[in-house]
Protein backbone atom coordinates (compact mmCIF):
# COMPACT_ATOMS: atom_id res chain seq x y z
CA UNK A 1 10.92 72.53 27.66
CA UNK A 2 8.06 75.04 27.90
CA UNK A 3 8.69 78.76 27.61
CA UNK A 4 10.03 80.17 30.87
CA UNK A 5 11.86 76.99 31.84
CA UNK A 6 15.38 77.32 33.25
CA UNK A 7 16.34 74.87 30.51
CA UNK A 8 15.25 77.20 27.73
CA UNK A 9 17.89 79.48 26.24
CA UNK A 10 17.64 83.10 27.34
CA UNK A 11 20.10 84.93 25.10
CA UNK A 12 19.31 88.31 26.69
CA UNK A 13 20.90 87.08 29.93
CA UNK A 14 23.92 85.41 28.34
CA UNK A 15 27.27 86.84 27.31
CA UNK A 16 27.07 85.30 23.85
CA UNK A 17 28.93 82.22 25.02
CA UNK A 18 27.91 79.99 22.13
CA UNK A 19 29.25 82.69 19.79
CA UNK A 20 32.67 82.66 21.44
CA UNK A 21 33.45 79.51 23.41
CA UNK A 22 32.64 76.99 20.68
CA UNK A 23 34.54 76.40 17.42
CA UNK A 24 32.96 75.88 14.03
CA UNK A 25 34.27 75.00 10.58
CA UNK A 26 33.39 76.54 7.24
CA UNK A 27 30.66 74.34 5.77
CA UNK A 28 27.05 74.33 4.67
CA UNK A 29 26.20 75.28 8.26
CA UNK A 30 28.79 78.01 8.81
CA UNK A 31 30.10 80.61 6.38
CA UNK A 32 33.54 80.86 8.01
CA UNK A 33 36.01 79.02 10.23
CA UNK A 34 36.18 80.03 13.90
CA UNK A 35 38.43 78.78 16.68
CA UNK A 36 37.18 78.07 20.22
CA UNK A 37 37.52 81.24 22.27
CA UNK A 38 37.40 83.49 19.20
CA UNK A 39 34.34 85.79 19.03
CA UNK A 40 32.15 85.27 15.98
CA UNK A 41 32.42 88.14 13.54
CA UNK A 42 28.68 88.74 13.93
CA UNK A 43 28.80 89.19 17.72
CA UNK A 44 28.00 92.76 18.77
CA UNK A 45 29.35 94.71 21.76
CA UNK A 46 26.16 93.99 23.73
CA UNK A 47 26.64 90.21 23.18
CA UNK A 48 23.82 89.99 20.67
CA UNK A 49 24.00 88.61 17.14
CA UNK A 50 24.21 91.22 14.41
CA UNK A 51 22.47 89.00 11.84
CA UNK A 52 20.12 87.07 14.11
CA UNK A 53 17.10 87.68 11.86
CA UNK A 54 18.99 86.49 8.77
CA UNK A 55 21.25 83.69 10.00
CA UNK A 56 20.13 81.14 7.42
CA UNK A 57 20.48 83.58 4.54
CA UNK A 58 23.85 84.72 5.89
CA UNK A 59 25.34 81.23 5.83
CA UNK A 60 25.02 80.49 9.54
CA UNK A 61 22.33 77.83 9.54
CA UNK A 62 24.23 75.95 12.24
CA UNK A 63 23.49 78.73 14.70
CA UNK A 64 19.75 78.41 14.13
CA UNK A 65 19.72 74.78 15.28
CA UNK A 66 21.98 75.14 18.33
CA UNK A 67 20.38 74.90 21.77
CA UNK A 68 22.34 75.47 24.98
CA UNK A 69 19.40 74.28 27.14
CA UNK A 70 19.79 77.40 29.28
CA UNK A 71 23.46 76.79 30.03
CA UNK A 72 24.42 80.20 28.67
CA UNK A 73 22.53 82.25 31.21
CA UNK A 74 23.41 79.82 33.99
CA UNK A 75 27.13 80.26 33.40
CA UNK A 76 26.86 83.99 32.78
CA UNK A 77 24.63 85.00 35.66
CA UNK A 78 25.08 82.26 38.26
CA UNK A 79 28.41 80.47 37.91
CA UNK A 80 30.33 83.70 37.21
CA UNK A 81 27.95 86.06 38.97
CA UNK A 82 27.52 88.43 36.04
CA UNK A 83 31.24 88.85 35.22
CA UNK A 84 31.63 88.75 31.45
CA UNK A 85 34.53 87.27 29.48
CA UNK A 86 35.60 90.65 28.13
CA UNK A 87 36.77 91.72 31.59
CA UNK A 88 39.93 89.65 31.57
CA UNK A 89 41.67 86.60 30.11
CA UNK A 90 41.38 84.58 33.32
CA UNK A 91 37.61 84.94 33.41
CA UNK A 92 37.35 84.23 29.68
CA UNK A 93 39.52 81.11 29.74
CA UNK A 94 37.65 79.48 32.62
CA UNK A 95 34.23 80.54 31.37
CA UNK A 96 34.88 79.01 27.96
CA UNK A 97 35.90 75.72 29.61
CA UNK A 98 32.82 75.68 31.84
CA UNK A 99 30.20 76.48 29.19
CA UNK A 100 30.41 73.19 27.20
CA UNK A 101 30.28 71.23 30.47
CA UNK A 102 27.24 73.15 31.69
CA UNK A 103 25.50 72.63 28.37
CA UNK A 104 25.88 68.85 28.69
CA UNK A 105 24.58 68.89 32.25
CA UNK A 106 21.57 70.99 31.24
CA UNK A 107 20.88 68.63 28.37
CA UNK A 108 20.73 65.76 30.86
CA UNK A 109 18.36 67.79 33.02
CA UNK A 110 16.17 68.33 29.96
CA UNK A 111 15.93 64.60 29.30
CA UNK A 112 15.30 63.79 32.97
CA UNK A 113 12.52 66.36 33.23
CA UNK A 114 10.94 64.97 30.08
CA UNK A 115 11.20 61.42 31.44
CA UNK A 116 9.45 62.42 34.66
CA UNK A 117 6.46 63.62 32.65
CA UNK A 118 5.95 60.24 30.96
CA UNK A 119 3.27 58.06 32.62
CA UNK A 120 5.01 54.73 31.78
CA UNK A 121 8.05 55.92 33.75
CA UNK A 122 6.23 55.46 37.08
CA UNK A 123 8.32 52.41 38.15
CA UNK A 124 11.53 54.47 38.02
CA UNK A 125 10.11 57.86 39.00
CA UNK A 126 11.94 57.99 42.34
CA UNK A 127 15.25 57.17 40.67
CA UNK A 128 14.61 59.85 38.06
CA UNK A 129 13.92 62.47 40.72
CA UNK A 130 17.12 61.56 42.55
CA UNK A 131 19.13 61.75 39.34
CA UNK A 132 17.56 65.10 38.52
CA UNK A 133 18.50 66.48 41.96
CA UNK A 134 22.04 65.09 41.68
CA UNK A 135 22.68 66.65 38.28
CA UNK A 136 21.09 69.94 39.35
CA UNK A 137 23.51 70.10 42.27
CA UNK A 138 26.42 69.58 39.92
CA UNK A 139 25.39 72.63 37.91
CA UNK A 140 25.89 74.75 41.05
CA UNK A 141 29.52 73.70 41.47
CA UNK A 142 32.36 76.23 41.42
CA UNK A 143 33.92 77.06 38.03
CA UNK A 144 37.11 75.05 38.62
CA UNK A 145 35.12 71.98 39.66
CA UNK A 146 32.84 72.28 36.64
CA UNK A 147 35.74 72.68 34.24
CA UNK A 148 37.32 69.42 35.44
CA UNK A 149 34.09 67.43 35.82
CA UNK A 150 33.91 63.90 34.43
CA UNK A 151 30.80 64.49 32.34
CA UNK A 152 30.90 61.11 30.52
CA UNK A 153 30.62 59.37 33.91
CA UNK A 154 27.61 61.52 34.84
CA UNK A 155 26.03 60.94 31.45
CA UNK A 156 26.54 57.16 31.72
CA UNK A 157 24.60 56.99 35.00
CA UNK A 158 21.75 59.07 33.63
CA UNK A 159 21.63 57.15 30.36
CA UNK A 160 20.97 53.89 32.22
CA UNK A 161 17.80 55.45 33.62
CA UNK A 162 16.76 57.02 30.33
CA UNK A 163 17.13 53.68 28.58
CA UNK A 164 14.86 52.05 31.18
CA UNK A 165 12.28 54.77 30.57
CA UNK A 166 12.58 54.27 26.83
CA UNK A 167 11.87 50.55 27.18
CA UNK A 168 8.87 51.21 29.40
CA UNK A 169 7.41 53.69 26.92
CA UNK A 170 8.04 51.56 23.86
CA UNK A 171 6.76 48.39 25.58
CA UNK A 172 3.26 49.88 25.34
CA UNK A 173 3.43 49.86 21.53
CA UNK A 174 1.80 46.76 20.01
CA UNK A 175 4.42 44.57 18.35
CA UNK A 176 7.25 46.72 19.77
CA UNK A 177 9.18 48.93 17.38
CA UNK A 178 12.32 47.94 15.54
CA UNK A 179 15.77 48.40 17.01
CA UNK A 180 17.53 50.96 14.79
CA UNK A 181 19.85 52.22 17.53
CA UNK A 182 22.84 53.99 16.01
CA UNK A 183 21.81 52.83 12.53
CA UNK A 184 23.16 54.48 9.40
CA UNK A 185 19.96 55.70 7.77
CA UNK A 186 21.47 58.62 5.90
CA UNK A 187 19.23 59.38 2.94
CA UNK A 188 17.07 56.34 3.73
CA UNK A 189 13.75 55.98 1.89
CA UNK A 190 11.35 55.73 4.81
CA UNK A 191 8.33 57.48 3.37
CA UNK A 192 5.22 56.27 5.20
CA UNK A 193 7.27 53.87 7.33
CA UNK A 194 5.75 52.41 10.49
CA UNK A 195 8.34 53.37 13.11
CA UNK A 196 6.05 53.33 16.11
CA UNK A 197 8.02 52.59 19.26
CA UNK A 198 11.27 52.23 17.31
CA UNK A 199 14.61 52.58 19.06
CA UNK A 200 16.31 55.28 17.00
CA UNK A 201 18.74 56.38 19.69
CA UNK A 202 21.75 57.95 18.00
CA UNK A 203 20.55 56.94 14.52
CA UNK A 204 21.90 58.85 11.52
CA UNK A 205 18.78 60.09 9.74
CA UNK A 206 20.49 62.87 7.80
CA UNK A 207 18.42 63.74 4.70
CA UNK A 208 16.22 60.68 5.27
CA UNK A 209 12.81 60.70 3.57
CA UNK A 210 10.40 60.39 6.50
CA UNK A 211 7.39 61.94 4.80
CA UNK A 212 4.24 60.63 6.40
CA UNK A 213 6.22 58.27 8.65
CA UNK A 214 4.65 57.13 11.92
CA UNK A 215 7.16 57.93 14.67
CA UNK A 216 4.76 57.79 17.59
CA UNK A 217 6.48 56.71 20.83
CA UNK A 218 9.81 56.33 19.03
CA UNK A 219 12.97 57.06 21.01
CA UNK A 220 14.91 59.77 19.15
CA UNK A 221 17.50 60.68 21.74
CA UNK A 222 20.66 61.80 19.98
CA UNK A 223 19.28 61.00 16.51
CA UNK A 224 20.73 63.19 13.75
CA UNK A 225 17.78 64.68 11.87
CA UNK A 226 19.66 67.23 9.79
CA UNK A 227 17.70 67.83 6.58
CA UNK A 228 15.44 64.86 7.34
CA UNK A 229 12.10 65.32 5.53
CA UNK A 230 9.42 65.16 8.20
CA UNK A 231 6.58 66.58 6.13
CA UNK A 232 3.37 64.94 7.24
CA UNK A 233 5.19 62.75 9.77
CA UNK A 234 3.62 61.96 13.13
CA UNK A 235 5.99 62.45 16.08
CA UNK A 236 3.20 62.42 18.67
CA UNK A 237 4.60 60.91 21.84
CA UNK A 238 8.13 60.57 20.42
CA UNK A 239 10.48 60.76 23.36
CA UNK A 240 13.67 62.68 24.11
CA UNK A 241 13.25 64.97 21.12
CA UNK A 242 14.89 68.40 21.31
CA UNK A 243 14.06 71.72 19.70
CA UNK A 244 17.37 71.68 17.83
CA UNK A 245 16.54 68.32 16.26
CA UNK A 246 13.31 69.71 14.83
CA UNK A 247 15.01 72.94 13.76
CA UNK A 248 17.58 70.95 11.79
CA UNK A 249 14.91 68.97 9.93
CA UNK A 250 12.30 69.90 7.34
CA UNK A 251 8.60 69.75 8.04
CA UNK A 252 5.29 71.37 7.20
CA UNK A 253 1.92 72.25 8.67
CA UNK A 254 0.93 68.58 8.59
CA UNK A 255 3.88 67.46 10.73
CA UNK A 256 2.76 66.54 14.23
CA UNK A 257 5.38 67.47 16.81
CA UNK A 258 5.90 65.81 20.21
CA UNK A 259 4.97 67.15 23.62
CA UNK A 260 5.43 70.85 24.23
CA UNK A 261 7.75 71.41 21.25
CA UNK A 262 6.29 73.93 18.84
CA UNK A 263 6.59 73.63 15.08
CA UNK A 264 9.75 75.50 13.91
CA UNK A 265 9.02 78.81 12.23
CA UNK A 266 10.98 77.96 9.08
CA UNK A 267 8.71 74.97 8.37
């Protein structure tokens, strides 16, 4: 989403929830193990990251590709009215349960807003607006209701609409793209591949060679692009792409990014 959107992370108005509520395991993405509910060792007293400018060099690459879609400030400032988790165990426990739920709801809002901006989605625009309003209302629920929400059921309803939008968008591509939904393409040699209008929903493209690939109008919702080589690739018009997906991949000045998503600084 564009800068200033409620679905863009605003860390200055968040109580460092992604640094506390979520667990991570020692790996190439994280230098240490951390349990859910345990503050990251780099979290400062003012809820800011002590190594924010050097996360990659410090062994916390996973943090650089995480996107809460604005859920952090929503939970911190709206759901809990500015009460932070350090004020008591009851607040902390419930806040840490709510944050992952809110993140999923905000992610759905992100996809719905993106879908509404696509001209081919006109036949389902009214349904998209209704779904957007319904999910937005859910984000305003009380903490206890949010914590116990059946998010998979909400996601299933939204996904039916997003899939319809995907088909409408990809139907405009001559010859219709290939169906690679959920495909194992880890390390695949796809340099210069014609993937226009391809269904790559949930595909595993980890470390795939996509140099110079044509991904115009491809559906990349949920695709794993960690370490995928996108140098010179064309993602113009690719749909349901997130900032974190691009941040996790490799690209260069010749990579064409979709929509309003800017080229990651580390490219």
